[in-house]
Amino acid sequence: MISNNAIEIKIEDGVVLGIFLDGASIDFNVAKDCIRIRLLLQDKKIMPLLLDIRNLKELSKPARDLLASSEGLKAISAGALLTDKSFFLHTLGSIFFRLSKPKIPHKMFHDRKQAIAWLKKFKK
């Protein structure tokens, strides 16, 4: 496991799990550091990513753009967002996918087990 002041990242059964810490506010620099530590943990292995955004407070447009870019998606085979059923997080996830258009398979889930089952199809 590895972490910074915004996210905790670990690998379970070939799936990268990123869990934003409570009240996390992600700007460009924080997003860049999240990518850096994820890549360090992955050690050049291509894996699917589950990003738990249930504790996320704010995601800036520059951070969103970086996370959906080729730099942000490096070594990621597919991505899933885990949200709760709140209007805010569902809208945030929908906006992220609609505007950023990640160039990998991507989907939003409310259930962690369903998300991981879907992501396992993209393990290398």
Foldseek 3Di string as FASTA:
>chain_A
DDDDQFWDWDDDPQEIEIETDAAHADDQVNLLVVLVVVCVRCVQAQGAYEYECARYDYYDPNSLLCCLDCSNCRSHQEYEYAYAPDPVVVVVVVCSCVVNVRPHHYYYYPDPVVVVVVRVVRRD
